[in-house]
Amino acid sequence: MTLCRSPETRGGEAEETLAELFARQPEAAAAFWARGMRCPGCPIAPFHSLTDACAEYGVDPAGLRADIRATTAARGEVTEGEGNEDPEVSPPRR
């Protein structure tokens, strides 16, 4: 079982939690379910990052991120790194 890692163990770069990801991009859940990942709705989602979950399930993080970006782009929403004009939605932690 993979343990949650602190930002210090990830080279000092904080990655948003899965709970933050799903709150910001609910449609991202489909990419997880398509891979058999039960992260959406999991009580550990507030503590795991996408990297943590991929390590737990043996999934390629780059492929999952690409699918999430594709889903978001298909809906015409802002993707990570493009900024966010909605003041109610927090940008991802860096």
N, C-alpha and C. Protein backbone atom coordinates (compact mmCIF):
# COMPACT_ATOMS: atom_id res chain seq x y z
N MET A 1 0.84 -1.18 0.00
CA MET A 1 0.00 0.00 0.00
C MET A 1 0.88 1.24 0.00
N THR A 2 0.55 2.19 -0.84
CA THR A 2 1.29 3.43 -0.91
C THR A 2 0.81 4.37 0.16
N LEU A 3 1.74 4.97 0.85
CA LEU A 3 1.38 5.94 1.88
C LEU A 3 1.34 7.33 1.26
N CYS A 4 0.54 8.19 1.84
CA CYS A 4 0.49 9.57 1.39
C CYS A 4 1.86 10.21 1.62
N ARG A 5 2.26 11.04 0.70
CA ARG A 5 3.55 11.70 0.83
C ARG A 5 3.34 13.18 1.08
N SER A 6 4.20 13.71 1.90
CA SER A 6 4.13 15.14 2.15
C SER A 6 4.80 15.88 1.00
N PRO A 7 4.54 17.18 0.84
CA PRO A 7 5.21 17.93 -0.22
C PRO A 7 6.72 17.84 -0.15
N GLU A 8 7.26 17.70 1.04
CA GLU A 8 8.71 17.61 1.19
C GLU A 8 9.25 16.36 0.49
N THR A 9 8.52 15.26 0.52
CA THR A 9 9.01 14.04 -0.10
C THR A 9 8.76 14.04 -1.60
N ARG A 10 8.04 15.02 -2.11
CA ARG A 10 7.81 15.15 -3.55
C ARG A 10 8.67 16.26 -4.13
N GLY A 11 9.79 16.53 -3.50
CA GLY A 11 10.68 17.55 -4.02
C GLY A 11 10.20 18.96 -3.70
N GLY A 12 9.35 19.12 -2.71
CA GLY A 12 8.89 20.44 -2.30
C GLY A 12 7.74 20.99 -3.12
N GLU A 13 7.30 20.28 -4.15
CA GLU A 13 6.19 20.77 -4.98
C GLU A 13 4.89 20.15 -4.49
N ALA A 14 3.99 20.98 -4.00
CA ALA A 14 2.71 20.49 -3.51
C ALA A 14 1.79 20.21 -4.70
N GLU A 15 1.19 19.04 -4.69
CA GLU A 15 0.26 18.65 -5.74
C GLU A 15 -1.14 18.68 -5.14
N GLU A 16 -2.13 19.13 -5.91
CA GLU A 16 -3.47 19.20 -5.37
C GLU A 16 -3.96 17.80 -5.00
N THR A 17 -4.84 17.74 -4.02
CA THR A 17 -5.39 16.46 -3.62
C THR A 17 -6.47 16.04 -4.62
N LEU A 18 -6.82 14.77 -4.57
CA LEU A 18 -7.89 14.29 -5.45
C LEU A 18 -9.20 14.98 -5.12
N ALA A 19 -9.46 15.23 -3.85
CA ALA A 19 -10.70 15.93 -3.48
C ALA A 19 -10.74 17.31 -4.12
N GLU A 20 -9.61 18.01 -4.14
CA GLU A 20 -9.55 19.32 -4.79
C GLU A 20 -9.76 19.20 -6.29
N LEU A 21 -9.15 18.18 -6.89
CA LEU A 21 -9.31 17.95 -8.32
C LEU A 21 -10.77 17.70 -8.67
N PHE A 22 -11.43 16.80 -7.93
CA PHE A 22 -12.82 16.47 -8.23
C PHE A 22 -13.77 17.65 -7.95
N ALA A 23 -13.44 18.49 -6.99
CA ALA A 23 -14.25 19.67 -6.73
C ALA A 23 -14.11 20.68 -7.87
N ARG A 24 -12.90 20.80 -8.40
CA ARG A 24 -12.63 21.74 -9.48
C ARG A 24 -13.07 21.21 -10.83
N GLN A 25 -12.92 19.91 -11.04
CA GLN A 25 -13.24 19.28 -12.33
C GLN A 25 -14.00 17.97 -12.09
N PRO A 26 -15.28 18.03 -11.78
CA PRO A 26 -16.03 16.80 -11.49
C PRO A 26 -15.98 15.78 -12.62
N GLU A 27 -15.88 16.27 -13.87
CA GLU A 27 -15.84 15.35 -15.01
C GLU A 27 -14.57 14.50 -15.03
N ALA A 28 -13.57 14.86 -14.25
CA ALA A 28 -12.33 14.08 -14.19
C ALA A 28 -12.59 12.68 -13.62
N ALA A 29 -13.66 12.52 -12.87
CA ALA A 29 -13.98 11.22 -12.28
C ALA A 29 -14.09 10.13 -13.33
N ALA A 30 -14.58 10.46 -14.50
CA ALA A 30 -14.76 9.45 -15.56
C ALA A 30 -13.44 8.81 -15.96
N ALA A 31 -12.36 9.59 -15.98
CA ALA A 31 -11.05 9.05 -16.34
C ALA A 31 -10.56 8.05 -15.30
N PHE A 32 -10.90 8.29 -14.03
CA PHE A 32 -10.52 7.36 -12.96
C PHE A 32 -11.35 6.09 -13.06
N TRP A 33 -12.66 6.23 -13.21
CA TRP A 33 -13.54 5.06 -13.29
C TRP A 33 -13.21 4.19 -14.49
N ALA A 34 -12.82 4.81 -15.61
CA ALA A 34 -12.47 4.05 -16.82
C ALA A 34 -11.27 3.13 -16.57
N ARG A 35 -10.44 3.49 -15.60
CA ARG A 35 -9.26 2.69 -15.27
C ARG A 35 -9.49 1.78 -14.05
N GLY A 36 -10.71 1.75 -13.56
CA GLY A 36 -11.00 0.92 -12.40
C GLY A 36 -10.53 1.53 -11.09
N MET A 37 -10.24 2.82 -11.11
CA MET A 37 -9.79 3.52 -9.91
C MET A 37 -11.01 4.04 -9.17
N ARG A 38 -11.11 3.73 -7.91
CA ARG A 38 -12.29 4.09 -7.12
C ARG A 38 -12.10 5.38 -6.32
N CYS A 39 -11.26 6.24 -6.81
CA CYS A 39 -10.90 7.46 -6.08
C CYS A 39 -12.05 8.45 -5.91
N PRO A 40 -12.90 8.68 -6.92
CA PRO A 40 -14.00 9.61 -6.71
C PRO A 40 -14.93 9.11 -5.59
N GLY A 41 -15.08 9.92 -4.57
CA GLY A 41 -15.92 9.54 -3.44
C GLY A 41 -15.20 8.78 -2.34
N CYS A 42 -13.93 8.47 -2.55
CA CYS A 42 -13.17 7.73 -1.54
C CYS A 42 -12.85 8.64 -0.35
N PRO A 43 -12.92 8.11 0.88
CA PRO A 43 -12.60 8.95 2.03
C PRO A 43 -11.11 9.35 2.10
N ILE A 44 -10.26 8.73 1.31
CA ILE A 44 -8.84 9.07 1.30
C ILE A 44 -8.55 10.18 0.28
N ALA A 45 -9.49 10.52 -0.59
CA ALA A 45 -9.28 11.53 -1.63
C ALA A 45 -8.76 12.87 -1.10
N PRO A 46 -9.15 13.31 0.10
CA PRO A 46 -8.58 14.57 0.59
C PRO A 46 -7.10 14.49 0.96
N PHE A 47 -6.56 13.28 0.99
CA PHE A 47 -5.17 13.10 1.42
C PHE A 47 -4.25 12.60 0.32
N HIS A 48 -4.80 12.06 -0.75
CA HIS A 48 -3.99 11.52 -1.85
C HIS A 48 -3.97 12.49 -3.02
N SER A 49 -2.84 12.51 -3.69
CA SER A 49 -2.71 13.27 -4.94
C SER A 49 -2.94 12.30 -6.10
N LEU A 50 -3.00 12.84 -7.29
CA LEU A 50 -3.12 11.99 -8.48
C LEU A 50 -1.92 11.04 -8.56
N THR A 51 -0.75 11.55 -8.25
CA THR A 51 0.46 10.72 -8.27
C THR A 51 0.35 9.58 -7.27
N ASP A 52 -0.14 9.86 -6.07
CA ASP A 52 -0.31 8.82 -5.06
C ASP A 52 -1.28 7.74 -5.55
N ALA A 53 -2.41 8.17 -6.11
CA ALA A 53 -3.42 7.22 -6.57
C ALA A 53 -2.89 6.36 -7.72
N CYS A 54 -2.16 6.98 -8.63
CA CYS A 54 -1.59 6.22 -9.75
C CYS A 54 -0.60 5.17 -9.25
N ALA A 55 0.19 5.53 -8.26
CA ALA A 55 1.13 4.57 -7.68
C ALA A 55 0.38 3.41 -7.01
N GLU A 56 -0.71 3.74 -6.35
CA GLU A 56 -1.51 2.72 -5.66
C GLU A 56 -2.14 1.74 -6.64
N TYR A 57 -2.61 2.24 -7.78
CA TYR A 57 -3.29 1.40 -8.76
C TYR A 57 -2.40 0.92 -9.90
N GLY A 58 -1.15 1.37 -9.94
CA GLY A 58 -0.25 0.96 -11.02
C GLY A 58 -0.65 1.56 -12.36
N VAL A 59 -1.09 2.82 -12.34
CA VAL A 59 -1.57 3.52 -13.53
C VAL A 59 -0.54 4.58 -13.92
N ASP A 60 -0.38 4.79 -15.22
CA ASP A 60 0.53 5.82 -15.73
C ASP A 60 -0.06 7.20 -15.46
N PRO A 61 0.61 8.03 -14.64
CA PRO A 61 0.06 9.36 -14.33
C PRO A 61 -0.06 10.26 -15.55
N ALA A 62 0.88 10.18 -16.47
CA ALA A 62 0.84 11.04 -17.66
C ALA A 62 -0.39 10.72 -18.51
N GLY A 63 -0.71 9.45 -18.66
CA GLY A 63 -1.88 9.06 -19.44
C GLY A 63 -3.17 9.51 -18.78
N LEU A 64 -3.24 9.38 -17.47
CA LEU A 64 -4.43 9.82 -16.74
C LEU A 64 -4.60 11.33 -16.85
N ARG A 65 -3.50 12.07 -16.67
CA ARG A 65 -3.57 13.52 -16.80
C ARG A 65 -4.02 13.93 -18.21
N ALA A 66 -3.52 13.24 -19.22
CA ALA A 66 -3.90 13.54 -20.60
C ALA A 66 -5.40 13.32 -20.81
N ASP A 67 -5.93 12.23 -20.26
CA ASP A 67 -7.37 11.97 -20.39
C ASP A 67 -8.20 13.01 -19.66
N ILE A 68 -7.72 13.44 -18.51
CA ILE A 68 -8.44 14.49 -17.75
C ILE A 68 -8.43 15.79 -18.54
N ARG A 69 -7.27 16.16 -19.10
CA ARG A 69 -7.19 17.38 -19.91
C ARG A 69 -8.10 17.29 -21.13
N ALA A 70 -8.14 16.13 -21.77
CA ALA A 70 -8.99 15.95 -22.95
C ALA A 70 -10.46 16.11 -22.59
N THR A 71 -10.87 15.56 -21.47
CA THR A 71 -12.26 15.68 -21.02
C THR A 71 -12.60 17.13 -20.72
N THR A 72 -11.69 17.81 -20.07
CA THR A 72 -11.91 19.22 -19.73
C THR A 72 -11.95 20.08 -20.99
N ALA A 73 -11.02 19.82 -21.92
CA ALA A 73 -10.99 20.59 -23.17
C ALA A 73 -12.25 20.36 -23.99
N ALA A 74 -12.76 19.13 -23.96
CA ALA A 74 -13.98 18.82 -24.71
C ALA A 74 -15.17 19.60 -24.17
N ARG A 75 -15.14 19.91 -22.90
CA ARG A 75 -16.23 20.70 -22.29
C ARG A 75 -15.98 22.19 -22.43
N GLY A 76 -14.81 22.56 -22.98
CA GLY A 76 -14.50 23.97 -23.17
C GLY A 76 -14.12 24.67 -21.89
N GLU A 77 -13.64 23.92 -20.91
CA GLU A 77 -13.27 24.51 -19.63
C GLU A 77 -11.79 24.84 -19.59
N VAL A 78 -11.40 25.58 -18.59
CA VAL A 78 -10.00 25.95 -18.39
C VAL A 78 -9.22 24.73 -17.96
N THR A 79 -8.07 24.52 -18.58
CA THR A 79 -7.21 23.41 -18.18
C THR A 79 -6.11 23.92 -17.29
N GLU A 80 -5.47 23.03 -16.58
CA GLU A 80 -4.41 23.39 -15.66
C GLU A 80 -3.34 24.19 -16.39
N GLY A 81 -2.91 25.25 -15.76
CA GLY A 81 -1.86 26.08 -16.33
C GLY A 81 -2.38 27.24 -17.17
N GLU A 82 -3.67 27.27 -17.48
CA GLU A 82 -4.22 28.37 -18.28
C GLU A 82 -4.82 29.47 -17.43
N GLY A 83 -4.88 29.28 -16.13
CA GLY A 83 -5.49 30.28 -15.26
C GLY A 83 -6.96 29.99 -15.07
N ASN A 84 -7.58 30.72 -14.16
CA ASN A 84 -8.98 30.51 -13.87
C ASN A 84 -9.60 31.85 -13.52
N GLU A 85 -10.62 32.24 -14.24
CA GLU A 85 -11.27 33.52 -14.01
C GLU A 85 -12.37 33.43 -12.96
N ASP A 86 -12.77 32.24 -12.55
CA ASP A 86 -13.84 32.06 -11.59
C ASP A 86 -13.29 32.24 -10.18
N PRO A 87 -13.67 33.31 -9.47
CA PRO A 87 -13.12 33.55 -8.14
C PRO A 87 -13.56 32.52 -7.10
N GLU A 88 -14.58 31.73 -7.40
CA GLU A 88 -15.07 30.73 -6.45
C GLU A 88 -14.25 29.44 -6.51
N VAL A 89 -13.42 29.29 -7.52
CA VAL A 89 -12.64 28.06 -7.69
C VAL A 89 -11.19 28.37 -7.45
N SER A 90 -10.58 27.67 -6.53
CA SER A 90 -9.18 27.89 -6.23
C SER A 90 -8.30 27.25 -7.28
N PRO A 91 -7.21 27.89 -7.65
CA PRO A 91 -6.28 27.27 -8.60
C PRO A 91 -5.55 26.13 -7.92
N PRO A 92 -4.98 25.21 -8.69
CA PRO A 92 -4.25 24.11 -8.07
C PRO A 92 -3.07 24.63 -7.28
N ARG A 93 -2.76 23.95 -6.18
CA ARG A 93 -1.59 24.31 -5.38
C ARG A 93 -0.34 23.95 -6.14
N ARG A 94 0.67 24.73 -6.02
CA ARG A 94 1.95 24.46 -6.68
C ARG A 94 3.02 24.25 -5.65
